[in-house]
């Protein structure tokens, strides 16, 4: 299903120009117009989905299969030593998509784009882990 106001949906149907690198039944991959590193690719689903949680299992598999293929292609085709794979979910992202960014040692890109924090105590860290475990145990699917 297409969202008429969505730029990515317009790319998927060909109404918006893009440098497409991959097309499957479920996924379209194209170069980011403002790349972190040259070759930075966005992968979007053909069907408009707002968040990762809304993806069906079969489409989720298709997305990450495409991510793996593109990550391999930036290594093999661009000579990158590796890649950075990232996906926001709601915050800083209006539509579900995955970034595959080619990485090479010394490319100037820091390990992460955001500041890091620490847990004040081991007890605090364990309380976060326990909340996540409990939620996972009580909810088998999203």
N, C-alpha and C. Protein backbone atom coordinates (compact mmCIF):
# COMPACT_ATOMS: atom_id res chain seq x y z
N UNK A 1 0.85 -1.17 0.00
CA UNK A 1 0.00 0.00 0.00
C UNK A 1 0.90 1.24 0.00
N UNK A 2 0.58 2.21 -0.79
CA UNK A 2 1.37 3.41 -0.93
C UNK A 2 0.78 4.54 -0.09
N UNK A 3 1.67 5.34 0.51
CA UNK A 3 1.28 6.56 1.20
C UNK A 3 1.61 7.70 0.25
N UNK A 4 0.59 8.40 -0.22
CA UNK A 4 0.76 9.43 -1.25
C UNK A 4 1.76 10.51 -0.84
N UNK A 5 1.84 10.84 0.43
CA UNK A 5 2.74 11.89 0.89
C UNK A 5 4.15 11.41 1.21
N UNK A 6 4.44 10.15 1.01
CA UNK A 6 5.72 9.57 1.40
C UNK A 6 6.72 9.63 0.24
N UNK A 7 7.85 10.26 0.48
CA UNK A 7 8.90 10.37 -0.53
C UNK A 7 9.41 8.98 -0.94
N UNK A 8 9.57 8.08 0.03
CA UNK A 8 10.07 6.75 -0.29
C UNK A 8 9.08 5.97 -1.14
N UNK A 9 7.79 6.12 -0.87
CA UNK A 9 6.78 5.46 -1.71
C UNK A 9 6.87 5.98 -3.14
N UNK A 10 7.14 7.27 -3.30
CA UNK A 10 7.28 7.86 -4.63
C UNK A 10 8.50 7.27 -5.34
N UNK A 11 9.58 7.02 -4.61
CA UNK A 11 10.76 6.38 -5.20
C UNK A 11 10.42 4.97 -5.64
N UNK A 12 9.73 4.23 -4.78
CA UNK A 12 9.39 2.84 -5.07
C UNK A 12 8.59 2.70 -6.37
N UNK A 13 7.64 3.60 -6.61
CA UNK A 13 6.81 3.50 -7.81
C UNK A 13 7.40 4.26 -9.00
N UNK A 14 8.55 4.91 -8.81
CA UNK A 14 9.21 5.58 -9.92
C UNK A 14 8.78 7.01 -10.15
N UNK A 15 7.97 7.57 -9.25
CA UNK A 15 7.54 8.97 -9.40
C UNK A 15 8.61 9.95 -8.94
N UNK A 16 9.56 9.49 -8.15
CA UNK A 16 10.66 10.32 -7.66
C UNK A 16 11.96 9.67 -8.14
N UNK A 17 12.86 10.45 -8.75
CA UNK A 17 14.09 9.85 -9.26
C UNK A 17 14.98 9.33 -8.13
N UNK A 18 15.67 8.24 -8.39
CA UNK A 18 16.59 7.66 -7.42
C UNK A 18 17.60 6.82 -8.17
N UNK A 19 18.74 6.64 -7.55
CA UNK A 19 19.78 5.77 -8.10
C UNK A 19 19.59 4.39 -7.47
N UNK A 20 18.71 3.61 -8.07
CA UNK A 20 18.32 2.31 -7.54
C UNK A 20 19.47 1.32 -7.73
N UNK A 21 19.78 0.57 -6.67
CA UNK A 21 20.83 -0.44 -6.73
C UNK A 21 20.30 -1.86 -6.56
N UNK A 22 19.08 -1.97 -6.02
CA UNK A 22 18.51 -3.30 -5.76
C UNK A 22 17.00 -3.21 -5.80
N UNK A 23 16.37 -4.17 -6.47
CA UNK A 23 14.92 -4.29 -6.46
C UNK A 23 14.56 -5.75 -6.28
N UNK A 24 13.70 -6.02 -5.30
CA UNK A 24 13.14 -7.36 -5.12
C UNK A 24 11.62 -7.21 -5.04
N UNK A 25 10.94 -8.30 -4.83
CA UNK A 25 9.48 -8.23 -4.70
C UNK A 25 9.06 -7.37 -3.51
N UNK A 26 9.89 -7.34 -2.45
CA UNK A 26 9.51 -6.65 -1.22
C UNK A 26 10.31 -5.38 -0.92
N UNK A 27 11.47 -5.22 -1.54
CA UNK A 27 12.42 -4.20 -1.11
C UNK A 27 12.99 -3.44 -2.31
N UNK A 28 13.23 -2.14 -2.12
CA UNK A 28 13.96 -1.33 -3.09
C UNK A 28 15.11 -0.67 -2.35
N UNK A 29 16.31 -0.76 -2.93
CA UNK A 29 17.49 -0.12 -2.37
C UNK A 29 17.99 0.95 -3.32
N UNK A 30 18.34 2.11 -2.77
CA UNK A 30 18.81 3.22 -3.61
C UNK A 30 19.79 4.07 -2.81
N UNK A 31 20.65 4.78 -3.54
CA UNK A 31 21.64 5.63 -2.88
C UNK A 31 20.98 6.77 -2.14
N UNK A 32 21.50 7.06 -0.95
CA UNK A 32 21.06 8.20 -0.17
C UNK A 32 21.54 9.47 -0.87
N UNK A 33 20.67 10.48 -0.99
CA UNK A 33 21.05 11.74 -1.62
C UNK A 33 22.05 12.55 -0.80
N UNK A 34 22.10 12.29 0.48
CA UNK A 34 23.05 12.96 1.38
C UNK A 34 23.83 11.89 2.13
N UNK A 35 24.74 11.21 1.43
CA UNK A 35 25.40 10.05 2.03
C UNK A 35 26.36 10.41 3.16
N UNK A 36 26.42 9.52 4.13
CA UNK A 36 27.43 9.62 5.18
C UNK A 36 28.79 9.31 4.56
N UNK A 37 28.84 8.27 3.74
CA UNK A 37 30.01 7.91 2.94
C UNK A 37 29.48 7.55 1.55
N UNK A 38 30.27 7.72 0.53
CA UNK A 38 29.82 7.42 -0.83
C UNK A 38 29.46 5.94 -0.93
N UNK A 39 28.27 5.68 -1.49
CA UNK A 39 27.75 4.33 -1.56
C UNK A 39 26.69 4.06 -0.51
N UNK A 40 26.46 4.99 0.40
CA UNK A 40 25.43 4.89 1.45
C UNK A 40 24.10 4.58 0.79
N UNK A 41 23.52 3.48 1.15
CA UNK A 41 22.30 2.97 0.51
C UNK A 41 21.16 2.90 1.51
N UNK A 42 19.95 3.28 1.06
CA UNK A 42 18.74 3.14 1.85
C UNK A 42 17.95 1.96 1.30
N UNK A 43 17.41 1.15 2.17
CA UNK A 43 16.55 0.04 1.79
C UNK A 43 15.18 0.28 2.38
N UNK A 44 14.16 0.27 1.51
CA UNK A 44 12.78 0.50 1.95
C UNK A 44 11.90 -0.63 1.45
N UNK A 45 10.80 -0.83 2.13
CA UNK A 45 9.85 -1.84 1.68
C UNK A 45 8.98 -1.26 0.57
N UNK A 46 8.55 -2.11 -0.34
CA UNK A 46 7.66 -1.65 -1.41
C UNK A 46 6.32 -1.20 -0.85
N UNK A 47 5.89 -1.86 0.19
CA UNK A 47 4.64 -1.48 0.84
C UNK A 47 4.96 -0.53 1.99
N UNK A 48 4.28 0.59 2.05
CA UNK A 48 4.53 1.59 3.09
C UNK A 48 4.32 0.99 4.48
N UNK A 49 5.34 1.10 5.30
CA UNK A 49 5.29 0.64 6.69
C UNK A 49 5.96 1.72 7.53
N UNK A 50 5.31 2.12 8.61
CA UNK A 50 5.85 3.19 9.45
C UNK A 50 6.97 2.73 10.37
N UNK A 51 6.89 1.52 10.92
CA UNK A 51 7.90 1.09 11.89
C UNK A 51 8.30 -0.36 11.67
N UNK A 52 9.44 -0.70 12.20
CA UNK A 52 9.96 -2.06 12.16
C UNK A 52 8.96 -3.05 12.76
N UNK A 53 8.29 -2.66 13.81
CA UNK A 53 7.37 -3.54 14.51
C UNK A 53 6.20 -3.97 13.63
N UNK A 54 5.85 -3.14 12.66
CA UNK A 54 4.73 -3.43 11.76
C UNK A 54 5.09 -4.37 10.62
N UNK A 55 6.36 -4.66 10.42
CA UNK A 55 6.75 -5.54 9.32
C UNK A 55 6.31 -6.97 9.60
N UNK A 56 5.76 -7.61 8.60
CA UNK A 56 5.44 -9.04 8.74
C UNK A 56 6.75 -9.82 8.75
N UNK A 57 6.72 -11.03 9.28
CA UNK A 57 7.94 -11.84 9.38
C UNK A 57 8.57 -12.09 8.01
N UNK A 58 7.75 -12.37 6.99
CA UNK A 58 8.32 -12.66 5.69
C UNK A 58 8.97 -11.42 5.08
N UNK A 59 8.37 -10.25 5.25
CA UNK A 59 8.97 -9.02 4.72
C UNK A 59 10.21 -8.65 5.54
N UNK A 60 10.16 -8.87 6.84
CA UNK A 60 11.32 -8.63 7.68
C UNK A 60 12.51 -9.45 7.18
N UNK A 61 12.27 -10.71 6.87
CA UNK A 61 13.32 -11.55 6.32
C UNK A 61 13.83 -10.97 5.01
N UNK A 62 12.93 -10.54 4.14
CA UNK A 62 13.32 -9.95 2.86
C UNK A 62 14.17 -8.70 3.04
N UNK A 63 13.80 -7.87 4.00
CA UNK A 63 14.56 -6.64 4.26
C UNK A 63 15.98 -6.99 4.68
N UNK A 64 16.12 -7.88 5.65
CA UNK A 64 17.46 -8.17 6.14
C UNK A 64 18.26 -9.04 5.19
N UNK A 65 17.60 -9.79 4.33
CA UNK A 65 18.30 -10.48 3.25
C UNK A 65 18.88 -9.44 2.30
N UNK A 66 18.11 -8.41 1.99
CA UNK A 66 18.59 -7.32 1.12
C UNK A 66 19.72 -6.55 1.80
N UNK A 67 19.61 -6.31 3.10
CA UNK A 67 20.66 -5.63 3.85
C UNK A 67 21.97 -6.42 3.72
N UNK A 68 21.89 -7.72 3.91
CA UNK A 68 23.09 -8.56 3.82
C UNK A 68 23.70 -8.49 2.42
N UNK A 69 22.85 -8.52 1.39
CA UNK A 69 23.34 -8.46 0.01
C UNK A 69 24.02 -7.12 -0.27
N UNK A 70 23.40 -6.02 0.16
CA UNK A 70 23.99 -4.70 -0.09
C UNK A 70 25.28 -4.53 0.72
N UNK A 71 25.30 -5.01 1.96
CA UNK A 71 26.52 -4.93 2.78
C UNK A 71 27.66 -5.69 2.08
N UNK A 72 27.35 -6.81 1.48
CA UNK A 72 28.36 -7.55 0.73
C UNK A 72 28.78 -6.82 -0.53
N UNK A 73 27.82 -6.18 -1.18
CA UNK A 73 28.11 -5.48 -2.43
C UNK A 73 28.98 -4.25 -2.21
N UNK A 74 28.80 -3.54 -1.10
CA UNK A 74 29.65 -2.37 -0.87
C UNK A 74 31.07 -2.80 -0.54
N UNK A 75 31.22 -3.98 0.03
CA UNK A 75 32.58 -4.50 0.26
C UNK A 75 33.19 -4.94 -1.06
N UNK A 76 32.46 -5.78 -1.80
CA UNK A 76 33.00 -6.32 -3.04
C UNK A 76 33.10 -5.30 -4.15
N UNK A 77 32.10 -4.45 -4.29
CA UNK A 77 32.06 -3.51 -5.40
C UNK A 77 32.78 -2.21 -5.16
N UNK A 78 32.77 -1.73 -3.92
CA UNK A 78 33.37 -0.44 -3.61
C UNK A 78 34.71 -0.57 -2.90
N UNK A 79 35.05 -1.78 -2.51
CA UNK A 79 36.30 -1.98 -1.80
C UNK A 79 36.24 -1.56 -0.34
N UNK A 80 35.03 -1.38 0.20
CA UNK A 80 34.90 -1.04 1.61
C UNK A 80 35.37 -2.22 2.46
N UNK A 81 35.89 -1.93 3.62
CA UNK A 81 36.32 -2.99 4.52
C UNK A 81 35.15 -3.59 5.29
N UNK A 82 34.07 -2.85 5.38
CA UNK A 82 32.90 -3.30 6.11
C UNK A 82 31.76 -2.34 5.89
N UNK A 83 30.79 -2.39 6.77
CA UNK A 83 29.65 -1.49 6.64
C UNK A 83 29.07 -1.20 8.02
N UNK A 84 28.34 -0.12 8.08
CA UNK A 84 27.57 0.25 9.25
C UNK A 84 26.12 0.13 8.84
N UNK A 85 25.36 -0.68 9.56
CA UNK A 85 23.94 -0.89 9.27
C UNK A 85 23.15 -0.24 10.39
N UNK A 86 22.19 0.63 10.02
CA UNK A 86 21.45 1.37 11.05
C UNK A 86 19.98 1.52 10.67
N UNK A 87 19.15 1.57 11.69
CA UNK A 87 17.72 1.80 11.50
C UNK A 87 17.17 2.48 12.74
N UNK A 88 16.60 3.64 12.57
CA UNK A 88 15.85 4.26 13.65
C UNK A 88 14.46 3.65 13.65
N UNK A 89 13.75 3.78 14.72
CA UNK A 89 12.39 3.28 14.80
C UNK A 89 11.54 4.34 15.49
N UNK A 90 10.85 5.14 14.71
CA UNK A 90 9.99 6.24 15.11
C UNK A 90 10.80 7.51 15.33
N UNK A 91 11.65 7.57 16.34
CA UNK A 91 12.42 8.79 16.63
C UNK A 91 13.43 9.00 15.51
N UNK A 92 13.42 10.17 14.91
CA UNK A 92 14.30 10.53 13.78
C UNK A 92 13.99 9.77 12.51
N UNK A 93 12.84 9.14 12.44
CA UNK A 93 12.48 8.39 11.24
C UNK A 93 10.97 8.35 11.09
N UNK A 94 10.47 8.81 9.96
CA UNK A 94 9.03 8.83 9.74
C UNK A 94 8.53 7.59 9.01
N UNK A 95 9.42 6.90 8.31
CA UNK A 95 9.06 5.69 7.57
C UNK A 95 10.16 4.67 7.80
N UNK A 96 9.79 3.41 7.90
CA UNK A 96 10.76 2.34 8.13
C UNK A 96 11.73 2.27 6.95
N UNK A 97 13.03 2.37 7.24
CA UNK A 97 14.06 2.12 6.24
C UNK A 97 15.36 1.78 6.96
N UNK A 98 16.25 1.13 6.21
CA UNK A 98 17.53 0.70 6.76
C UNK A 98 18.65 1.38 5.98
N UNK A 99 19.66 1.83 6.70
CA UNK A 99 20.85 2.43 6.08
C UNK A 99 21.96 1.38 6.03
N UNK A 100 22.63 1.27 4.90
CA UNK A 100 23.86 0.49 4.79
C UNK A 100 24.94 1.47 4.33
N UNK A 101 25.89 1.72 5.21
CA UNK A 101 26.93 2.71 4.95
C UNK A 101 28.27 1.99 4.82
N UNK A 102 28.93 2.13 3.65
CA UNK A 102 30.25 1.52 3.50
C UNK A 102 31.24 2.13 4.50
N UNK A 103 32.10 1.31 5.05
CA UNK A 103 33.10 1.80 6.01
C UNK A 103 34.48 1.32 5.60
N UNK A 104 35.45 2.19 5.77
CA UNK A 104 36.85 1.88 5.55
C UNK A 104 37.63 2.52 6.68
N UNK A 105 38.59 1.80 7.21
CA UNK A 105 39.39 2.34 8.30
C UNK A 105 39.96 3.70 7.90
N UNK A 106 39.79 4.68 8.78
CA UNK A 106 40.29 6.02 8.51
C UNK A 106 39.34 6.89 7.69
N UNK A 107 38.07 6.43 7.52
CA UNK A 107 37.11 7.20 6.71
C UNK A 107 36.61 8.46 7.43
N UNK A 108 37.00 8.64 8.68
CA UNK A 108 36.63 9.85 9.41
C UNK A 108 35.29 9.77 10.12
N UNK A 109 34.59 8.67 9.93
CA UNK A 109 33.28 8.50 10.57
C UNK A 109 33.49 7.87 11.94
N UNK A 110 33.02 8.52 12.99
CA UNK A 110 33.19 7.92 14.31
C UNK A 110 32.36 6.64 14.43
N UNK A 111 32.69 5.83 15.40
CA UNK A 111 32.00 4.56 15.59
C UNK A 111 30.50 4.69 15.69
N UNK A 112 30.02 5.71 16.36
CA UNK A 112 28.59 5.97 16.46
C UNK A 112 28.37 7.46 16.32
N UNK A 113 27.17 7.85 15.98
CA UNK A 113 26.86 9.25 15.73
C UNK A 113 26.31 9.95 16.97
N UNK A 114 26.15 9.28 18.06
CA UNK A 114 25.51 9.87 19.22
C UNK A 114 26.40 9.68 20.45
N UNK A 115 26.24 10.55 21.44
CA UNK A 115 27.04 10.40 22.65
C UNK A 115 26.64 9.16 23.42
N UNK A 116 27.57 8.62 24.14
CA UNK A 116 27.33 7.42 24.93
C UNK A 116 27.03 7.79 26.38
N UNK A 117 26.41 6.88 27.10
CA UNK A 117 26.14 7.06 28.51
C UNK A 117 26.59 5.81 29.24
N UNK A 118 26.43 5.77 30.53
CA UNK A 118 26.76 4.58 31.30
C UNK A 118 25.65 4.34 32.32
N UNK A 119 25.57 3.11 32.78
CA UNK A 119 24.67 2.80 33.90
C UNK A 119 25.40 3.21 35.17
N UNK A 120 24.66 3.76 36.13
CA UNK A 120 25.28 4.23 37.37
C UNK A 120 25.82 3.07 38.20
N UNK A 121 25.08 1.95 38.16
CA UNK A 121 25.49 0.77 38.94
C UNK A 121 25.16 -0.48 38.14
N UNK A 122 25.69 -1.59 38.57
CA UNK A 122 25.32 -2.88 37.96
C UNK A 122 23.84 -3.18 38.21
N UNK A 123 23.34 -2.75 39.35
CA UNK A 123 21.93 -2.96 39.67
C UNK A 123 21.03 -2.20 38.70
N UNK A 124 21.42 -0.98 38.37
CA UNK A 124 20.63 -0.22 37.40
C UNK A 124 20.64 -0.92 36.04
N UNK A 125 21.79 -1.39 35.61
CA UNK A 125 21.89 -2.09 34.32
C UNK A 125 21.03 -3.34 34.35
N UNK A 126 21.08 -4.09 35.44
CA UNK A 126 20.29 -5.32 35.54
C UNK A 126 18.80 -5.00 35.54
N UNK A 127 18.39 -3.87 36.14
CA UNK A 127 16.96 -3.53 36.14
C UNK A 127 16.47 -3.26 34.72
N UNK A 128 17.29 -2.63 33.88
CA UNK A 128 16.92 -2.43 32.48
C UNK A 128 16.82 -3.76 31.75
N UNK A 129 17.81 -4.62 31.98
CA UNK A 129 17.79 -5.94 31.35
C UNK A 129 16.57 -6.73 31.78
N UNK A 130 16.22 -6.65 33.05
CA UNK A 130 15.07 -7.39 33.57
C UNK A 130 13.77 -6.89 32.94
N UNK A 131 13.62 -5.60 32.78
CA UNK A 131 12.42 -5.05 32.15
C UNK A 131 12.28 -5.53 30.70
N UNK A 132 13.37 -5.56 29.98
CA UNK A 132 13.33 -6.03 28.60
C UNK A 132 13.02 -7.51 28.55
N UNK A 133 13.68 -8.31 29.39
CA UNK A 133 13.41 -9.76 29.43
C UNK A 133 11.95 -10.03 29.76
N UNK A 134 11.42 -9.33 30.76
CA UNK A 134 10.02 -9.52 31.17
C UNK A 134 9.06 -9.19 30.03
N UNK A 135 9.32 -8.11 29.36
CA UNK A 135 8.47 -7.72 28.23
C UNK A 135 8.52 -8.77 27.13
N UNK A 136 9.72 -9.25 26.82
CA UNK A 136 9.86 -10.30 25.79
C UNK A 136 9.15 -11.59 26.20
N UNK A 137 9.24 -11.93 27.47
CA UNK A 137 8.59 -13.16 27.94
C UNK A 137 7.07 -13.07 27.89
N UNK A 138 6.56 -11.89 28.10
CA UNK A 138 5.10 -11.70 28.12
C UNK A 138 4.48 -11.41 26.76
N UNK A 139 5.31 -11.16 25.78
CA UNK A 139 4.79 -10.82 24.45
C UNK A 139 5.58 -11.60 23.42
N UNK A 140 4.96 -12.57 22.81
CA UNK A 140 5.65 -13.45 21.88
C UNK A 140 5.83 -12.84 20.49
N UNK A 141 5.01 -11.87 20.13
CA UNK A 141 5.18 -11.22 18.82
C UNK A 141 4.73 -9.77 18.94
N UNK A 142 5.07 -9.00 17.96
CA UNK A 142 4.68 -7.59 17.95
C UNK A 142 3.67 -7.44 16.88
